[in-house]
């Protein structure tokens, strides 16, 4: 058994129920160990960071609640999923008050149990976040994100120009870097230019260089970014901010791979691969006359659109763990657990600042966490996304439309949760918050 892989313990005195739960867990690709009593579980050796515990409340001898208490006393930390009989409300209340991750009623719905187990496993921070098919520092497993990774691998070996679309904070520069690192130019320079950060009067000199005496203060010849990126990749970030009067010279440099330095008349020839990025609608700018159509089509040979974080919500737990690890190491902190309630709140937030906003939130949270549990400022997150049942909310309309297309079904391959790219439990939490009728459950 791999010591780093997720591990699910099952404790139930009913052999049939115990083995049924174990088969279900194994069918999801997870490793499980079963026990028939609390005493047997306590006597068994356990890895330093077990995954989670599926625990029957009513056990002979030491009950489920008493086992939970003993584990807390000896310092064993793990999420516990309690299984209880129908209508056992007092026991459910006691379990929740004692700190259970969740309480499920027998007979347990298979999908609900697996969803809950996956959420519990996410709560604990392993030594390394699994990266699967990811590239570089780009982390994610959602279908939209994996499509981007596939497109990167397709276009990287070519010399085609790439135009990356995406909102602020979605990681467009990481995409550009990944394209360069997977290309034949990876051993040559990767040069970045933020076109929005350089005054328009200086941008021409920054891109193409200048000769001595080209303007007041130009006491020496200076090479531009095109020359510095020779045989490598030039990343033009915020390309929509390029002044209209500079666009013809940029177009010529892209098409002919040649230009003259500012104040000079000697033609400089280069071999540069262009990757550009923007958070603006360049096609609309073309229609408005603020961006040249020929430059747009020259850049837009291979367009990529990086999804916003709200479009890949299933990646939030993975990103949360990645950034928690990163800042815990940087700040010399030990963070072992992320509360389930925090994960639910973060999954419901729309993240207008995208991954950059999540990264900043995690860094702040690690700073404010004195112990092993990450303390996330949930009110700050949930305040912006809270809305009542009667609000005019586009999220509500989107969910209702998905439910209509799914025939009212929430779970399953054709259910609304799948159509929205959400876990069933996450969708149900949102439906409850938005006051969507029970008939859709």
Protein backbone atom coordinates (compact mmCIF):
# COMPACT_ATOMS: atom_id res chain seq x y z
CA UNK A 1 0.00 0.00 0.00
CA UNK A 2 1.30 3.46 -0.90
CA UNK A 3 1.62 5.52 2.30
CA UNK A 4 0.61 8.71 0.49
CA UNK A 5 -2.56 7.49 -1.21
CA UNK A 6 -5.98 8.25 0.29
CA UNK A 7 -7.19 5.65 2.77
CA UNK A 8 -10.76 5.07 3.95
CA UNK A 9 -11.49 3.12 7.14
CA UNK A 10 -14.87 1.44 7.58
CA UNK A 11 -16.06 0.35 11.05
CA UNK A 12 -19.38 -1.51 11.15
CA UNK A 13 -20.39 -4.65 13.08
CA UNK A 14 -22.78 -5.71 10.28
CA UNK A 15 -20.69 -7.84 7.90
CA UNK A 16 -23.03 -7.34 4.93
CA UNK A 17 -23.17 -3.56 5.37
CA UNK A 18 -19.41 -3.35 5.99
CA UNK A 19 -18.47 -5.30 2.89
CA UNK A 20 -21.03 -3.44 0.77
CA UNK A 21 -19.52 -0.08 1.72
CA UNK A 22 -16.00 -1.44 1.12
CA UNK A 23 -16.91 -2.64 -2.41
CA UNK A 24 -18.41 0.75 -3.19
CA UNK A 25 -15.28 2.56 -2.02
CA UNK A 26 -13.00 0.25 -4.03
CA UNK A 27 -15.14 0.78 -7.12
CA UNK A 28 -14.20 4.47 -6.90
CA UNK A 29 -10.49 3.60 -7.04
CA UNK A 30 -9.89 4.20 -3.32
CA UNK A 31 -8.15 1.97 -0.79
CA UNK A 32 -10.14 0.80 2.23
CA UNK A 33 -9.59 -1.23 5.40
CA UNK A 34 -12.56 -2.63 7.32
CA UNK A 35 -13.11 -3.36 11.02
CA UNK A 36 -15.96 -5.01 12.89
CA UNK A 37 -15.59 -3.02 16.13
CA UNK A 38 -14.16 0.14 17.63
CA UNK A 39 -11.74 -1.92 19.71
CA UNK A 40 -10.37 -3.65 16.60
CA UNK A 41 -9.87 -0.30 14.89
CA UNK A 42 -8.04 1.19 17.90
CA UNK A 43 -5.71 -1.80 18.10
CA UNK A 44 -4.69 -1.61 14.44
CA UNK A 45 -1.64 0.38 13.23
CA UNK A 46 -2.49 3.49 11.24
CA UNK A 47 -0.49 5.74 8.87
CA UNK A 48 0.41 9.21 10.11
CA UNK A 49 -2.30 10.89 7.98
CA UNK A 50 -5.20 8.54 7.35
CA UNK A 51 -7.89 9.65 4.99
CA UNK A 52 -11.27 9.38 6.65
CA UNK A 53 -13.41 7.07 8.79
CA UNK A 54 -16.85 5.73 7.85
CA UNK A 55 -18.26 4.81 11.25
CA UNK A 56 -21.48 3.14 12.38
CA UNK A 57 -22.92 4.97 15.38
CA UNK A 58 -24.48 1.94 17.06
CA UNK A 59 -21.62 -0.47 17.69
CA UNK A 60 -21.48 -3.15 20.40
CA UNK A 61 -18.98 -2.37 23.12
CA UNK A 62 -17.39 0.98 22.36
CA UNK A 63 -19.96 2.99 20.39
CA UNK A 64 -19.19 5.19 17.40
CA UNK A 65 -19.50 8.35 19.47
CA UNK A 66 -17.22 6.95 22.18
CA UNK A 67 -14.65 5.98 19.54
CA UNK A 68 -14.76 9.52 18.19
CA UNK A 69 -14.10 10.87 21.67
CA UNK A 70 -11.17 8.49 22.25
CA UNK A 71 -9.59 9.40 18.92
CA UNK A 72 -9.75 13.07 19.86
CA UNK A 73 -8.15 12.34 23.24
CA UNK A 74 -5.18 10.46 21.74
CA UNK A 75 -4.66 13.12 19.05
CA UNK A 76 -5.81 11.15 15.99
CA UNK A 77 -7.27 13.66 13.55
CA UNK A 78 -9.45 12.53 10.66
CA UNK A 79 -12.87 13.40 9.22
CA UNK A 80 -15.58 11.02 10.43
CA UNK A 81 -18.69 10.11 8.45
CA UNK A 82 -21.28 8.67 10.81
CA UNK A 83 -23.87 6.15 9.60
CA UNK A 84 -27.06 6.05 11.64
CA UNK A 85 -30.54 4.51 11.50
CA UNK A 86 -33.62 6.23 10.09
CA UNK A 87 -35.15 8.80 12.40
CA UNK A 88 -32.35 8.73 14.99
CA UNK A 89 -32.40 12.51 15.37
CA UNK A 90 -30.94 12.73 18.93
CA UNK A 91 -27.95 10.61 17.88
CA UNK A 92 -27.47 12.75 14.75
CA UNK A 93 -27.46 15.94 16.85
CA UNK A 94 -24.93 14.46 19.27
CA UNK A 95 -22.66 13.35 16.44
CA UNK A 96 -22.70 16.77 14.76
CA UNK A 97 -22.03 18.54 18.06
CA UNK A 98 -19.12 16.18 18.68
CA UNK A 99 -17.55 17.28 15.40
CA UNK A 100 -18.62 14.71 12.82
CA UNK A 101 -17.91 15.73 9.23
CA UNK A 102 -21.40 14.56 8.30
CA UNK A 103 -24.10 12.09 9.34
CA UNK A 104 -25.75 9.85 6.73
CA UNK A 105 -28.89 7.79 7.27
CA UNK A 106 -29.03 4.09 6.43
CA UNK A 107 -29.63 2.78 3.82
CA UNK A 108 -27.00 5.14 2.44
CA UNK A 109 -27.23 6.47 -1.12
CA UNK A 110 -24.07 5.26 -2.90
CA UNK A 111 -23.39 8.50 -4.76
CA UNK A 112 -23.94 10.60 -1.65
CA UNK A 113 -21.51 8.48 0.36
CA UNK A 114 -18.80 8.65 -2.32
CA UNK A 115 -19.29 12.40 -2.68
CA UNK A 116 -18.91 12.83 1.08
CA UNK A 117 -15.81 10.62 1.21
CA UNK A 118 -14.15 12.63 -1.59
CA UNK A 119 -14.88 15.87 0.26
CA UNK A 120 -13.44 14.46 3.48
CA UNK A 121 -10.28 13.29 1.74
CA UNK A 122 -9.84 16.78 0.36
CA UNK A 123 -9.87 18.18 3.89
CA UNK A 124 -6.48 16.73 4.74
CA UNK A 125 -3.31 18.17 3.23
CA UNK A 126 -1.02 15.45 1.85
CA UNK A 127 2.70 16.00 1.29
CA UNK A 128 2.20 16.45 -2.45
CA UNK A 129 -0.83 17.47 -4.50
CA UNK A 130 -1.34 14.93 -7.31
CA UNK A 131 -0.82 16.66 -10.64
CA UNK A 132 -2.01 13.90 -13.00
CA UNK A 133 -1.89 15.20 -16.57
CA UNK A 134 -1.10 18.78 -15.50
CA UNK A 135 1.66 20.88 -17.02
CA UNK A 136 4.17 22.88 -15.02
CA UNK A 137 2.44 24.83 -12.23
CA UNK A 138 -0.99 24.55 -13.83
CA UNK A 139 -3.21 22.52 -11.52
CA UNK A 140 -6.67 21.17 -12.31
CA UNK A 141 -8.72 18.11 -13.19
CA UNK A 142 -11.97 19.62 -14.51
CA UNK A 143 -12.93 18.87 -18.16
CA UNK A 144 -12.62 22.54 -19.22
CA UNK A 145 -9.14 22.77 -17.77
CA UNK A 146 -8.01 19.46 -19.24
CA UNK A 147 -9.16 20.67 -22.68
CA UNK A 148 -6.85 23.68 -22.32
CA UNK A 149 -3.94 21.39 -21.42
CA UNK A 150 -4.70 19.25 -24.47
CA UNK A 151 -4.74 22.31 -26.74
CA UNK A 152 -1.42 23.48 -25.27
CA UNK A 153 0.18 20.15 -26.09
CA UNK A 154 -1.20 20.34 -29.65
CA UNK A 155 0.01 23.86 -30.47
CA UNK A 156 3.26 24.02 -28.47
CA UNK A 157 5.46 22.05 -30.94
CA UNK A 158 4.45 24.37 -33.78
CA UNK A 159 5.55 27.96 -34.38
CA UNK A 160 1.96 29.22 -34.75
CA UNK A 161 0.97 32.46 -33.06
CA UNK A 162 -1.32 31.88 -30.06
CA UNK A 163 -3.87 34.34 -28.69
CA UNK A 164 -4.89 33.54 -25.10
CA UNK A 165 -8.25 34.90 -23.96
CA UNK A 166 -9.30 34.98 -20.32
CA UNK A 167 -10.38 37.11 -17.41
CA UNK A 168 -7.86 38.75 -15.11
CA UNK A 169 -6.27 36.27 -12.72
CA UNK A 170 -7.04 33.08 -14.68
CA UNK A 171 -3.38 32.20 -15.31
CA UNK A 172 -2.82 33.33 -18.90
CA UNK A 173 0.90 33.80 -18.31
CA UNK A 174 1.19 30.23 -17.03
CA UNK A 175 -0.42 29.05 -20.27
CA UNK A 176 2.07 31.09 -22.31
CA UNK A 177 4.98 29.71 -20.29
CA UNK A 178 3.69 26.14 -20.75
CA UNK A 179 3.51 26.64 -24.53
CA UNK A 180 7.13 27.82 -24.54
CA UNK A 181 8.35 25.02 -22.24
CA UNK A 182 6.80 22.33 -24.46
CA UNK A 183 8.13 23.84 -27.69
CA UNK A 184 11.44 23.33 -29.51
CA UNK A 185 12.36 26.85 -28.34
CA UNK A 186 12.31 25.91 -24.63
CA UNK A 187 16.09 26.32 -24.25
CA UNK A 188 15.91 29.84 -25.69
CA UNK A 189 14.57 33.02 -23.98
CA UNK A 190 10.98 33.49 -22.86
CA UNK A 191 10.55 37.27 -22.85
CA UNK A 192 7.49 38.98 -21.32
CA UNK A 193 6.03 42.39 -22.11
CA UNK A 194 3.05 43.80 -20.21
CA UNK A 195 1.68 46.23 -22.77
CA UNK A 196 -0.62 47.86 -20.20
CA UNK A 197 2.22 48.60 -17.76
CA UNK A 198 4.41 50.57 -20.19
CA UNK A 199 3.48 54.16 -21.19
CA UNK A 200 2.43 54.40 -24.83
CA UNK A 201 5.27 56.82 -25.56
CA UNK A 202 7.85 54.25 -24.44
CA UNK A 203 6.26 51.07 -25.76
CA UNK A 204 7.79 51.29 -29.25
CA UNK A 205 11.27 51.59 -27.78
CA UNK A 206 10.55 48.76 -25.35
CA UNK A 207 9.46 46.41 -28.15
CA UNK A 208 11.83 47.36 -30.95
CA UNK A 209 14.73 49.09 -29.18
CA UNK A 210 16.28 52.45 -30.04
CA UNK A 211 19.48 53.94 -31.40
CA UNK A 212 21.65 56.38 -29.55
CA UNK A 213 20.14 59.86 -29.76
CA UNK A 214 16.74 58.59 -30.90
CA UNK A 215 15.12 60.81 -28.27
CA UNK A 216 16.13 62.98 -25.34
CA UNK A 217 17.87 60.79 -22.81
CA UNK A 218 18.72 57.99 -25.23
CA UNK A 219 22.46 58.13 -24.61
CA UNK A 220 23.11 54.52 -25.65
CA UNK A 221 21.77 52.02 -28.13
CA UNK A 222 19.22 49.68 -26.56
CA UNK A 223 17.92 46.33 -27.76
CA UNK A 224 14.16 45.81 -27.70
CA UNK A 225 12.20 42.80 -26.49
CA UNK A 226 11.95 41.37 -30.02
CA UNK A 227 15.74 41.13 -30.27
CA UNK A 228 16.05 39.78 -26.72
CA UNK A 229 13.57 37.01 -27.61
CA UNK A 230 15.48 35.97 -30.76
CA UNK A 231 14.98 32.20 -31.38
CA UNK A 232 12.69 32.09 -28.35
CA UNK A 233 9.18 33.19 -27.42
CA UNK A 234 7.86 36.73 -26.95
CA UNK A 235 4.82 36.94 -24.68
CA UNK A 236 2.75 40.07 -25.28
CA UNK A 237 0.43 40.38 -22.28
CA UNK A 238 -2.57 42.74 -22.43
CA UNK A 239 -2.18 43.01 -26.20
CA UNK A 240 -5.44 44.98 -26.38
CA UNK A 241 -3.64 47.98 -24.84
CA UNK A 242 -1.26 48.42 -27.80
CA UNK A 243 -1.80 51.97 -29.22
CA UNK A 244 -3.45 52.02 -32.64
CA UNK A 245 -0.58 53.99 -34.17
CA UNK A 246 1.96 51.31 -33.13
CA UNK A 247 -0.05 48.38 -34.47
CA UNK A 248 1.17 48.58 -38.12
CA UNK A 249 4.80 48.26 -37.01
CA UNK A 250 3.90 45.35 -34.74
CA UNK A 251 2.03 43.67 -37.60
CA UNK A 252 5.06 43.96 -39.88
CA UNK A 253 7.32 42.51 -37.17
CA UNK A 254 4.96 39.54 -36.78
CA UNK A 255 4.55 38.89 -40.50
CA UNK A 256 8.02 39.65 -41.81
CA UNK A 257 10.05 39.06 -38.62
CA UNK A 258 11.84 42.35 -39.27
CA UNK A 259 11.75 45.96 -38.06
CA UNK A 260 13.89 49.05 -37.50
CA UNK A 261 14.91 50.30 -34.08
CA UNK A 262 13.49 53.66 -33.04
CA UNK A 263 15.70 56.39 -34.58
CA UNK A 264 17.47 53.94 -36.90
CA UNK A 265 17.22 52.92 -40.54
CA UNK A 266 18.91 49.50 -40.47
CA UNK A 267 16.51 46.58 -40.73
CA UNK A 268 16.82 44.05 -37.90
CA UNK A 269 15.73 40.48 -38.60
CA UNK A 270 14.67 38.11 -35.86
CA UNK A 271 13.22 34.62 -35.36
CA UNK A 272 10.53 34.96 -32.69
CA UNK A 273 7.44 32.96 -31.78
CA UNK A 274 4.56 35.19 -30.61
CA UNK A 275 2.14 34.34 -27.81
CA UNK A 276 -0.28 37.12 -26.86
CA UNK A 277 -2.93 37.41 -24.14
CA UNK A 278 -5.87 39.68 -23.42
CA UNK A 279 -8.84 40.04 -21.09
CA UNK A 280 -10.61 42.27 -23.62
CA UNK A 281 -12.89 41.41 -26.52
CA UNK A 282 -10.55 42.09 -29.44
CA UNK A 283 -13.20 41.25 -32.04
CA UNK A 284 -15.42 43.96 -30.61
CA UNK A 285 -12.46 46.35 -30.59
CA UNK A 286 -11.93 45.57 -34.29
CA UNK A 287 -15.58 46.45 -34.97
CA UNK A 288 -15.16 49.68 -33.01
CA UNK A 289 -12.00 50.61 -34.93
CA UNK A 290 -9.67 50.55 -31.91
CA UNK A 291 -7.78 47.41 -32.99
CA UNK A 292 -6.60 46.56 -36.50
CA UNK A 293 -8.35 43.60 -38.08
CA UNK A 294 -5.22 42.40 -39.91
CA UNK A 295 -3.25 42.38 -36.63
CA UNK A 296 -6.09 40.55 -34.89
CA UNK A 297 -6.18 37.79 -37.50
CA UNK A 298 -2.39 37.50 -37.47
CA UNK A 299 -2.42 36.98 -33.70
CA UNK A 300 -5.50 34.76 -33.63
CA UNK A 301 -4.02 31.81 -35.53
CA UNK A 302 -4.60 29.47 -32.58
CA UNK A 303 -6.99 30.93 -29.99
CA UNK A 304 -7.13 29.57 -26.44
CA UNK A 305 -9.70 30.56 -23.83
CA UNK A 306 -8.70 29.99 -20.21
CA UNK A 307 -11.83 29.22 -18.14
CA UNK A 308 -12.70 31.41 -15.18
CA UNK A 309 -12.46 29.75 -11.78
CA UNK A 310 -16.26 29.76 -11.42
CA UNK A 311 -16.37 27.59 -14.56
CA UNK A 312 -14.09 24.98 -13.00
CA UNK A 313 -15.36 24.87 -9.42
CA UNK A 314 -14.39 21.22 -8.99
CA UNK A 315 -10.74 22.35 -9.16
CA UNK A 316 -11.11 24.66 -6.14
CA UNK A 317 -10.28 21.96 -3.51
CA UNK A 318 -7.18 20.92 -5.47
CA UNK A 319 -6.01 24.52 -5.92
CA UNK A 320 -6.75 25.22 -2.27
CA UNK A 321 -4.52 22.36 -1.18
CA UNK A 322 -1.78 23.39 -3.63
CA UNK A 323 -1.65 26.99 -2.40
CA UNK A 324 -1.95 25.91 1.24
CA UNK A 325 1.10 23.69 0.82
CA UNK A 326 2.98 26.45 -0.97
CA UNK A 327 2.43 29.13 1.66
CA UNK A 328 2.73 26.77 4.61
CA UNK A 329 6.25 25.90 3.40
CA UNK A 330 7.06 29.54 2.67
CA UNK A 331 5.86 30.71 6.10
CA UNK A 332 7.20 27.66 7.97
CA UNK A 333 3.72 26.61 9.12
CA UNK A 334 2.22 23.14 9.53
CA UNK A 335 -1.29 23.04 8.03
CA UNK A 336 -2.89 19.59 7.98
CA UNK A 337 -6.61 20.17 7.58
CA UNK A 338 -9.11 22.34 5.70
CA UNK A 339 -12.61 22.42 7.28
CA UNK A 340 -15.42 21.01 5.13
CA UNK A 341 -17.57 24.09 5.80
CA UNK A 342 -14.82 26.24 4.28
CA UNK A 343 -14.70 24.08 1.15
CA UNK A 344 -18.46 24.40 0.67
CA UNK A 345 -18.35 28.19 1.06
CA UNK A 346 -15.41 28.55 -1.33
CA UNK A 347 -17.14 26.35 -3.92
CA UNK A 348 -20.22 28.62 -3.86
CA UNK A 349 -18.27 31.85 -4.33
CA UNK A 350 -17.97 33.25 -7.87
CA UNK A 351 -14.32 34.40 -7.62
CA UNK A 352 -14.31 37.61 -9.70
CA UNK A 353 -10.52 37.74 -9.21
CA UNK A 354 -10.19 34.09 -10.24
CA UNK A 355 -7.12 32.06 -9.20
CA UNK A 356 -5.19 35.15 -8.14
CA UNK A 357 -7.94 35.99 -5.65
CA UNK A 358 -7.96 32.42 -4.31
CA UNK A 359 -4.17 32.47 -3.99
CA UNK A 360 -4.23 35.73 -2.02
CA UNK A 361 -6.99 34.40 0.25
CA UNK A 362 -5.01 31.26 1.02
CA UNK A 363 -1.82 33.19 1.77
CA UNK A 364 -3.72 35.43 4.19
CA UNK A 365 -5.42 32.40 5.76
CA UNK A 366 -2.13 30.58 6.33
CA UNK A 367 -0.73 33.69 8.02
CA UNK A 368 -3.78 33.81 10.32
CA UNK A 369 -3.71 30.07 11.16
CA UNK A 370 -1.75 29.37 14.36
CA UNK A 371 -2.56 25.66 14.43
CA UNK A 372 -2.87 22.72 12.01
CA UNK A 373 -6.35 23.69 10.77
CA UNK A 374 -6.54 26.33 8.01
CA UNK A 375 -8.58 29.28 9.24
CA UNK A 376 -10.28 30.78 6.21
CA UNK A 377 -12.13 34.09 6.55
CA UNK A 378 -15.43 32.62 5.37
CA UNK A 379 -17.62 35.69 6.11
CA UNK A 380 -15.51 37.68 3.69
CA UNK A 381 -16.05 35.05 1.02
CA UNK A 382 -19.69 34.23 1.61
CA UNK A 383 -20.87 37.80 2.10
CA UNK A 384 -20.57 38.58 -1.61
CA UNK A 385 -22.27 35.43 -2.80
CA UNK A 386 -25.15 35.23 -0.31
CA UNK A 387 -28.52 35.85 -1.84
CA UNK A 388 -32.07 35.11 -0.77
CA UNK A 389 -34.62 32.85 -2.43
CA UNK A 390 -36.38 35.74 -4.12
CA UNK A 391 -33.36 37.48 -5.59
CA UNK A 392 -32.93 38.08 -9.30
CA UNK A 393 -29.84 35.90 -9.56
CA UNK A 394 -28.38 34.61 -12.84
CA UNK A 395 -26.97 31.63 -10.94
CA UNK A 396 -30.52 30.65 -9.95
CA UNK A 397 -31.67 30.87 -13.56
CA UNK A 398 -28.72 28.81 -14.72
CA UNK A 399 -29.51 26.06 -12.21
CA UNK A 400 -33.20 26.07 -13.10
CA UNK A 401 -32.36 25.76 -16.79
CA UNK A 402 -30.01 22.83 -16.13
CA UNK A 403 -32.70 21.14 -14.04
CA UNK A 404 -35.24 21.65 -16.81
CA UNK A 405 -32.90 20.11 -19.41
CA UNK A 406 -32.22 17.19 -17.03
CA UNK A 407 -35.93 16.57 -16.49
CA UNK A 408 -35.65 17.59 -12.84
CA UNK A 409 -32.91 15.06 -12.09
CA UNK A 410 -30.00 16.33 -9.97
CA UNK A 411 -27.58 13.36 -9.97
CA UNK A 412 -26.39 10.88 -12.56
CA UNK A 413 -24.60 11.22 -15.92
CA UNK A 414 -27.53 13.18 -17.42
CA UNK A 415 -28.34 15.09 -14.22
CA UNK A 416 -28.16 18.84 -13.66
CA UNK A 417 -25.02 18.53 -11.51
CA UNK A 418 -23.12 16.93 -14.40
CA UNK A 419 -24.39 19.56 -16.85
CA UNK A 420 -23.17 22.33 -14.54
CA UNK A 421 -19.85 20.65 -13.79
CA UNK A 422 -20.64 20.43 -10.06
CA UNK A 423 -20.77 17.72 -7.44
CA UNK A 424 -24.30 16.68 -6.58
CA UNK A 425 -23.89 17.78 -2.96
CA UNK A 426 -22.57 21.19 -4.05
CA UNK A 427 -25.54 21.69 -6.37
CA UNK A 428 -27.99 20.65 -3.65
CA UNK A 429 -26.40 23.16 -1.23
CA UNK A 430 -26.87 25.93 -3.78
CA UNK A 431 -30.45 24.87 -4.50
CA UNK A 432 -31.20 25.08 -0.79
CA UNK A 433 -29.55 28.50 -0.52
CA UNK A 434 -31.44 29.79 -3.56
CA UNK A 435 -34.80 28.37 -2.44
CA UNK A 436 -35.23 26.05 -5.43
CA UNK A 437 -38.14 23.68 -4.89
CA UNK A 438 -37.72 20.27 -3.31
CA UNK A 439 -39.38 18.55 -6.28
CA UNK A 440 -36.06 18.76 -8.08
CA UNK A 441 -34.23 16.77 -5.41
